[in-house]
């Protein structure tokens, strides 16, 4: 027999209480889903890829004599990796990285023209970026 708490102490259930308790348990577990809900998984990336850390991106931006497009594109790739969905332009991270607003606009236009990203511009607020894979 199982026990229950009465007046702050464990006491044995009566036969009627035990039958009712078992009935309630069976009813409860009959209504519970048999499978646990699955977490939404990221789609598998086909092909070869190389992981980048933010520190590596910062070093690349500081040491690179190439254009600013690569640095901004790396940051956008990292944001896409974190969210796996369209996201707003992380202007604060780009400004900390030394990219002005005009540079950001110019680079976004170039990356969009190259077919690497899709940009949804708004009258007010930052644009929404979708990285095309």
N, C-alpha and C. Protein backbone atom coordinates (compact mmCIF):
# COMPACT_ATOMS: atom_id res chain seq x y z
N UNK A 1 0.83 -1.19 0.00
CA UNK A 1 0.00 0.00 0.00
C UNK A 1 0.88 1.25 0.00
N UNK A 2 0.34 2.27 -0.64
CA UNK A 2 1.08 3.52 -0.70
C UNK A 2 0.69 4.41 0.48
N UNK A 3 1.42 5.47 0.62
CA UNK A 3 1.18 6.38 1.74
C UNK A 3 0.77 7.73 1.22
N UNK A 4 0.14 8.51 2.08
CA UNK A 4 -0.21 9.89 1.76
C UNK A 4 0.11 10.75 2.97
N UNK A 5 0.06 12.02 2.79
CA UNK A 5 0.38 12.94 3.89
C UNK A 5 -0.94 13.42 4.50
N UNK A 6 -1.04 13.27 5.79
CA UNK A 6 -2.21 13.76 6.51
C UNK A 6 -1.69 14.43 7.78
N UNK A 7 -2.06 15.69 7.97
CA UNK A 7 -1.61 16.48 9.12
C UNK A 7 -0.09 16.53 9.23
N UNK A 8 0.59 16.57 8.06
CA UNK A 8 2.04 16.70 8.04
C UNK A 8 2.78 15.40 8.29
N UNK A 9 2.07 14.25 8.33
CA UNK A 9 2.72 12.97 8.58
C UNK A 9 2.29 11.97 7.50
N UNK A 10 3.18 11.01 7.22
CA UNK A 10 2.85 9.95 6.29
C UNK A 10 1.96 8.93 6.99
N UNK A 11 0.86 8.59 6.33
CA UNK A 11 -0.04 7.57 6.86
C UNK A 11 -0.43 6.62 5.74
N UNK A 12 -0.78 5.39 6.08
CA UNK A 12 -1.20 4.41 5.08
C UNK A 12 -2.57 4.81 4.52
N UNK A 13 -2.77 4.56 3.23
CA UNK A 13 -4.08 4.79 2.62
C UNK A 13 -5.01 3.64 2.99
N UNK A 14 -6.28 3.94 3.03
CA UNK A 14 -7.25 2.87 3.22
C UNK A 14 -7.40 2.12 1.91
N UNK A 15 -8.08 0.98 1.93
CA UNK A 15 -8.26 0.18 0.72
C UNK A 15 -9.04 0.97 -0.34
N UNK A 16 -10.08 1.71 0.07
CA UNK A 16 -10.86 2.51 -0.88
C UNK A 16 -10.01 3.63 -1.48
N UNK A 17 -9.22 4.29 -0.64
CA UNK A 17 -8.33 5.36 -1.13
C UNK A 17 -7.29 4.80 -2.09
N UNK A 18 -6.76 3.61 -1.80
CA UNK A 18 -5.76 3.00 -2.68
C UNK A 18 -6.37 2.66 -4.04
N UNK A 19 -7.58 2.12 -4.06
CA UNK A 19 -8.25 1.80 -5.33
C UNK A 19 -8.50 3.07 -6.13
N UNK A 20 -8.96 4.12 -5.48
CA UNK A 20 -9.21 5.40 -6.17
C UNK A 20 -7.89 5.99 -6.69
N UNK A 21 -6.84 5.88 -5.90
CA UNK A 21 -5.53 6.38 -6.32
C UNK A 21 -5.02 5.64 -7.56
N UNK A 22 -5.14 4.33 -7.57
CA UNK A 22 -4.70 3.53 -8.72
C UNK A 22 -5.54 3.86 -9.96
N UNK A 23 -6.86 4.05 -9.77
CA UNK A 23 -7.73 4.41 -10.89
C UNK A 23 -7.31 5.75 -11.49
N UNK A 24 -7.02 6.71 -10.64
CA UNK A 24 -6.59 8.04 -11.12
C UNK A 24 -5.25 7.96 -11.86
N UNK A 25 -4.33 7.13 -11.35
CA UNK A 25 -3.04 6.96 -12.03
C UNK A 25 -3.22 6.39 -13.43
N UNK A 26 -4.06 5.35 -13.55
CA UNK A 26 -4.30 4.73 -14.85
C UNK A 26 -4.94 5.72 -15.81
N UNK A 27 -5.90 6.47 -15.31
CA UNK A 27 -6.57 7.47 -16.15
C UNK A 27 -5.60 8.55 -16.60
N UNK A 28 -4.74 9.00 -15.70
CA UNK A 28 -3.77 10.05 -16.05
C UNK A 28 -2.80 9.55 -17.11
N UNK A 29 -2.21 8.38 -16.91
CA UNK A 29 -1.20 7.89 -17.85
C UNK A 29 -1.80 7.45 -19.17
N UNK A 30 -3.11 7.16 -19.21
CA UNK A 30 -3.76 6.83 -20.48
C UNK A 30 -3.88 8.07 -21.35
N UNK A 31 -3.98 9.26 -20.73
CA UNK A 31 -4.15 10.50 -21.48
C UNK A 31 -2.83 11.18 -21.83
N UNK A 32 -1.74 10.74 -21.23
CA UNK A 32 -0.43 11.34 -21.50
C UNK A 32 0.10 10.77 -22.82
N UNK A 33 0.71 11.66 -23.63
CA UNK A 33 1.27 11.21 -24.90
C UNK A 33 2.37 10.17 -24.65
N UNK A 34 2.41 9.19 -25.53
CA UNK A 34 3.41 8.13 -25.39
C UNK A 34 4.80 8.59 -25.81
N UNK A 35 4.85 9.51 -26.77
CA UNK A 35 6.15 9.99 -27.25
C UNK A 35 6.45 11.35 -26.65
N UNK A 36 7.69 11.59 -26.41
CA UNK A 36 8.09 12.90 -25.93
C UNK A 36 8.19 13.84 -27.11
N UNK A 37 7.85 15.11 -26.93
CA UNK A 37 7.94 16.04 -28.07
C UNK A 37 9.39 16.21 -28.51
N UNK A 38 9.60 16.19 -29.81
CA UNK A 38 10.95 16.33 -30.35
C UNK A 38 11.31 17.79 -30.49
N UNK A 39 12.56 18.08 -30.27
CA UNK A 39 13.05 19.44 -30.43
C UNK A 39 13.25 19.72 -31.91
N UNK A 40 13.05 20.97 -32.27
CA UNK A 40 13.26 21.36 -33.65
C UNK A 40 14.75 21.34 -33.93
N UNK A 41 15.13 20.53 -34.88
CA UNK A 41 16.55 20.41 -35.21
C UNK A 41 16.89 21.29 -36.40
N UNK A 42 18.11 21.71 -36.41
CA UNK A 42 18.58 22.48 -37.56
C UNK A 42 18.73 21.55 -38.75
N UNK A 43 18.47 22.07 -39.93
CA UNK A 43 18.68 21.21 -41.09
C UNK A 43 20.16 20.93 -41.27
N UNK A 44 20.46 19.74 -41.76
CA UNK A 44 21.86 19.39 -41.97
C UNK A 44 22.43 20.22 -43.11
N UNK A 45 23.66 20.65 -42.93
CA UNK A 45 24.34 21.42 -43.95
C UNK A 45 25.06 20.45 -44.86
N UNK A 46 24.76 20.55 -46.13
CA UNK A 46 25.40 19.66 -47.10
C UNK A 46 26.71 20.28 -47.54
N UNK A 47 27.68 19.46 -47.81
CA UNK A 47 28.96 19.95 -48.29
C UNK A 47 29.93 20.21 -47.16
N UNK A 48 31.10 20.71 -47.50
CA UNK A 48 32.14 20.99 -46.52
C UNK A 48 31.94 22.39 -45.93
N UNK A 49 32.30 22.54 -44.67
CA UNK A 49 32.22 23.84 -44.03
C UNK A 49 33.32 23.96 -43.00
N UNK A 50 33.58 25.19 -42.62
CA UNK A 50 34.62 25.47 -41.64
C UNK A 50 34.01 26.33 -40.55
N UNK A 51 34.09 25.93 -39.28
CA UNK A 51 33.55 26.77 -38.20
C UNK A 51 34.47 27.96 -37.94
N UNK A 52 33.87 29.11 -37.64
CA UNK A 52 34.63 30.31 -37.32
C UNK A 52 34.23 30.80 -35.94
N UNK A 53 35.18 31.30 -35.18
CA UNK A 53 34.90 31.90 -33.89
C UNK A 53 34.93 33.41 -34.06
N UNK A 54 34.27 34.10 -33.13
CA UNK A 54 34.24 35.57 -33.22
C UNK A 54 35.65 36.16 -33.12
N UNK A 55 36.50 35.54 -32.33
CA UNK A 55 37.87 36.04 -32.20
C UNK A 55 38.60 35.94 -33.54
N UNK A 56 38.35 34.86 -34.28
CA UNK A 56 38.98 34.70 -35.58
C UNK A 56 38.48 35.77 -36.55
N UNK A 57 37.19 36.07 -36.47
CA UNK A 57 36.63 37.10 -37.35
C UNK A 57 37.25 38.46 -37.03
N UNK A 58 37.40 38.76 -35.73
CA UNK A 58 38.02 40.03 -35.34
C UNK A 58 39.46 40.11 -35.84
N UNK A 59 40.22 39.03 -35.69
CA UNK A 59 41.60 39.02 -36.16
C UNK A 59 41.65 39.21 -37.68
N UNK A 60 40.72 38.55 -38.37
CA UNK A 60 40.67 38.66 -39.84
C UNK A 60 40.41 40.12 -40.23
N UNK A 61 39.47 40.77 -39.56
CA UNK A 61 39.16 42.16 -39.88
C UNK A 61 40.34 43.08 -39.62
N UNK A 62 41.10 42.81 -38.56
CA UNK A 62 42.23 43.66 -38.23
C UNK A 62 43.43 43.42 -39.15
N UNK A 63 43.64 42.17 -39.55
CA UNK A 63 44.84 41.84 -40.33
C UNK A 63 44.60 41.85 -41.83
N UNK A 64 43.34 41.82 -42.25
CA UNK A 64 43.04 41.66 -43.66
C UNK A 64 43.22 42.96 -44.43
N UNK A 65 43.81 42.84 -45.62
CA UNK A 65 43.91 43.98 -46.51
C UNK A 65 42.80 43.91 -47.55
N UNK A 66 41.95 42.88 -47.42
CA UNK A 66 40.82 42.74 -48.33
C UNK A 66 39.71 43.71 -47.93
N UNK A 67 38.67 43.73 -48.69
CA UNK A 67 37.58 44.68 -48.45
C UNK A 67 36.80 44.33 -47.18
N UNK A 68 35.98 45.26 -46.75
CA UNK A 68 35.17 45.10 -45.55
C UNK A 68 34.04 44.09 -45.75
N UNK A 69 33.75 43.75 -47.01
CA UNK A 69 32.64 42.82 -47.28
C UNK A 69 32.84 41.48 -46.59
N UNK A 70 34.08 41.00 -46.57
CA UNK A 70 34.32 39.68 -45.96
C UNK A 70 34.04 39.72 -44.47
N UNK A 71 34.48 40.77 -43.79
CA UNK A 71 34.25 40.87 -42.34
C UNK A 71 32.78 40.96 -42.00
N UNK A 72 32.03 41.78 -42.73
CA UNK A 72 30.60 41.90 -42.47
C UNK A 72 29.89 40.60 -42.81
N UNK A 73 30.30 39.95 -43.89
CA UNK A 73 29.66 38.68 -44.27
C UNK A 73 29.94 37.62 -43.22
N UNK A 74 31.13 37.59 -42.64
CA UNK A 74 31.43 36.64 -41.57
C UNK A 74 30.51 36.88 -40.37
N UNK A 75 30.31 38.14 -40.01
CA UNK A 75 29.44 38.46 -38.88
C UNK A 75 28.00 38.03 -39.17
N UNK A 76 27.55 38.27 -40.41
CA UNK A 76 26.19 37.85 -40.78
C UNK A 76 26.05 36.33 -40.76
N UNK A 77 27.09 35.62 -41.19
CA UNK A 77 27.06 34.16 -41.13
C UNK A 77 26.96 33.67 -39.70
N UNK A 78 27.70 34.31 -38.81
CA UNK A 78 27.66 33.92 -37.40
C UNK A 78 26.28 34.17 -36.79
N UNK A 79 25.69 35.32 -37.09
CA UNK A 79 24.34 35.62 -36.59
C UNK A 79 23.33 34.62 -37.14
N UNK A 80 23.47 34.24 -38.40
CA UNK A 80 22.58 33.26 -38.99
C UNK A 80 22.74 31.91 -38.30
N UNK A 81 23.98 31.55 -37.95
CA UNK A 81 24.23 30.31 -37.23
C UNK A 81 23.55 30.31 -35.87
N UNK A 82 23.59 31.45 -35.17
CA UNK A 82 22.99 31.53 -33.84
C UNK A 82 21.47 31.42 -33.90
N UNK A 83 20.86 32.07 -34.89
CA UNK A 83 19.40 32.13 -34.93
C UNK A 83 18.75 31.12 -35.85
N UNK A 84 19.42 30.77 -36.94
CA UNK A 84 18.90 29.84 -37.94
C UNK A 84 17.56 30.32 -38.48
N UNK A 85 17.40 31.63 -38.61
CA UNK A 85 16.18 32.24 -39.12
C UNK A 85 16.54 33.67 -39.55
N UNK A 86 15.67 34.32 -40.30
CA UNK A 86 15.94 35.73 -40.63
C UNK A 86 16.12 36.55 -39.36
N UNK A 87 17.03 37.52 -39.39
CA UNK A 87 17.36 38.30 -38.21
C UNK A 87 17.57 39.75 -38.60
N UNK A 88 17.46 40.61 -37.60
CA UNK A 88 17.71 42.04 -37.84
C UNK A 88 19.21 42.28 -37.88
N UNK A 89 19.60 43.24 -38.67
CA UNK A 89 21.01 43.58 -38.83
C UNK A 89 21.61 43.94 -37.47
N UNK A 90 22.67 43.26 -37.03
CA UNK A 90 23.28 43.56 -35.73
C UNK A 90 24.18 44.79 -35.83
N UNK A 91 23.57 45.96 -35.92
CA UNK A 91 24.31 47.20 -36.14
C UNK A 91 25.30 47.48 -35.02
N UNK A 92 24.94 47.13 -33.79
CA UNK A 92 25.84 47.41 -32.67
C UNK A 92 27.14 46.62 -32.81
N UNK A 93 27.05 45.35 -33.23
CA UNK A 93 28.26 44.55 -33.43
C UNK A 93 29.08 45.08 -34.60
N UNK A 94 28.41 45.54 -35.64
CA UNK A 94 29.13 46.05 -36.80
C UNK A 94 29.81 47.37 -36.49
N UNK A 95 29.15 48.22 -35.72
CA UNK A 95 29.77 49.50 -35.35
C UNK A 95 30.97 49.27 -34.44
N UNK A 96 30.85 48.31 -33.49
CA UNK A 96 31.99 47.97 -32.64
C UNK A 96 33.14 47.40 -33.46
N UNK A 97 32.81 46.73 -34.56
CA UNK A 97 33.83 46.19 -35.44
C UNK A 97 34.48 47.23 -36.33
N UNK A 98 33.99 48.47 -36.28
CA UNK A 98 34.59 49.54 -37.06
C UNK A 98 33.93 49.77 -38.40
N UNK A 99 32.72 49.30 -38.59
CA UNK A 99 32.02 49.49 -39.87
C UNK A 99 31.00 50.60 -39.71
N UNK A 100 31.14 51.66 -40.51
CA UNK A 100 30.20 52.78 -40.43
C UNK A 100 28.87 52.41 -41.07
N UNK A 101 27.88 53.26 -40.89
CA UNK A 101 26.56 52.98 -41.47
C UNK A 101 26.60 52.97 -42.99
N UNK A 102 27.36 53.88 -43.56
CA UNK A 102 27.44 53.91 -45.02
C UNK A 102 28.13 52.66 -45.55
N UNK A 103 29.15 52.20 -44.83
CA UNK A 103 29.82 50.96 -45.23
C UNK A 103 28.86 49.79 -45.12
N UNK A 104 28.06 49.76 -44.06
CA UNK A 104 27.09 48.68 -43.89
C UNK A 104 26.10 48.65 -45.05
N UNK A 105 25.57 49.82 -45.42
CA UNK A 105 24.60 49.88 -46.53
C UNK A 105 25.23 49.43 -47.84
N UNK A 106 26.45 49.90 -48.09
CA UNK A 106 27.14 49.56 -49.33
C UNK A 106 27.42 48.06 -49.41
N UNK A 107 27.88 47.49 -48.30
CA UNK A 107 28.22 46.07 -48.28
C UNK A 107 26.96 45.21 -48.40
N UNK A 108 25.89 45.60 -47.73
CA UNK A 108 24.64 44.84 -47.84
C UNK A 108 24.14 44.83 -49.29
N UNK A 109 24.25 45.96 -49.97
CA UNK A 109 23.83 46.02 -51.37
C UNK A 109 24.70 45.10 -52.23
N UNK A 110 26.01 45.08 -51.97
CA UNK A 110 26.91 44.21 -52.75
C UNK A 110 26.62 42.74 -52.49
N UNK A 111 26.43 42.38 -51.22
CA UNK A 111 26.17 40.98 -50.88
C UNK A 111 24.81 40.53 -51.43
N UNK A 112 23.85 41.44 -51.43
CA UNK A 112 22.55 41.09 -51.98
C UNK A 112 22.63 40.91 -53.50
N UNK A 113 23.39 41.77 -54.14
CA UNK A 113 23.56 41.67 -55.60
C UNK A 113 24.29 40.38 -55.97
N UNK A 114 25.20 39.93 -55.11
CA UNK A 114 25.95 38.70 -55.37
C UNK A 114 25.11 37.45 -55.08
N UNK A 115 23.94 37.63 -54.46
CA UNK A 115 23.07 36.49 -54.18
C UNK A 115 23.43 35.74 -52.92
N UNK A 116 24.20 36.35 -52.03
CA UNK A 116 24.59 35.69 -50.79
C UNK A 116 23.58 35.92 -49.66
N UNK A 117 22.90 37.06 -49.71
CA UNK A 117 21.91 37.38 -48.68
C UNK A 117 20.68 37.98 -49.33
N UNK A 118 19.60 38.02 -48.57
CA UNK A 118 18.39 38.71 -48.97
C UNK A 118 18.11 39.75 -47.89
N UNK A 119 17.76 40.98 -48.30
CA UNK A 119 17.57 42.07 -47.35
C UNK A 119 16.15 42.60 -47.47
N UNK A 120 15.44 42.65 -46.35
CA UNK A 120 14.11 43.26 -46.29
C UNK A 120 14.28 44.59 -45.58
N UNK A 121 14.21 45.67 -46.36
CA UNK A 121 14.44 47.01 -45.80
C UNK A 121 13.13 47.59 -45.28
N UNK A 122 13.24 48.37 -44.22
CA UNK A 122 12.09 49.05 -43.63
C UNK A 122 12.38 50.54 -43.59
N UNK A 123 11.30 51.33 -43.52
CA UNK A 123 11.49 52.78 -43.46
C UNK A 123 12.22 53.17 -42.17
N UNK A 124 11.76 52.60 -41.06
CA UNK A 124 12.43 52.85 -39.78
C UNK A 124 12.90 51.52 -39.23
N UNK A 125 14.00 51.52 -38.56
CA UNK A 125 14.52 50.31 -37.95
C UNK A 125 15.50 49.60 -38.86
N UNK A 126 16.20 48.65 -38.28
CA UNK A 126 17.23 47.93 -39.06
C UNK A 126 16.60 46.96 -40.05
N UNK A 127 17.29 46.67 -41.16
CA UNK A 127 16.75 45.72 -42.13
C UNK A 127 16.81 44.29 -41.59
N UNK A 128 15.97 43.44 -42.16
CA UNK A 128 15.96 42.03 -41.80
C UNK A 128 16.80 41.27 -42.84
N UNK A 129 17.75 40.48 -42.35
CA UNK A 129 18.69 39.78 -43.21
C UNK A 129 18.34 38.29 -43.24
N UNK A 130 18.36 37.70 -44.43
CA UNK A 130 18.24 36.27 -44.60
C UNK A 130 19.47 35.81 -45.37
N UNK A 131 20.25 34.92 -44.78
CA UNK A 131 21.44 34.39 -45.46
C UNK A 131 20.98 33.25 -46.36
N UNK A 132 21.30 33.35 -47.64
CA UNK A 132 20.89 32.34 -48.61
C UNK A 132 21.97 31.27 -48.67
N UNK A 133 21.56 30.03 -48.49
CA UNK A 133 22.52 28.92 -48.50
C UNK A 133 22.45 28.17 -49.79
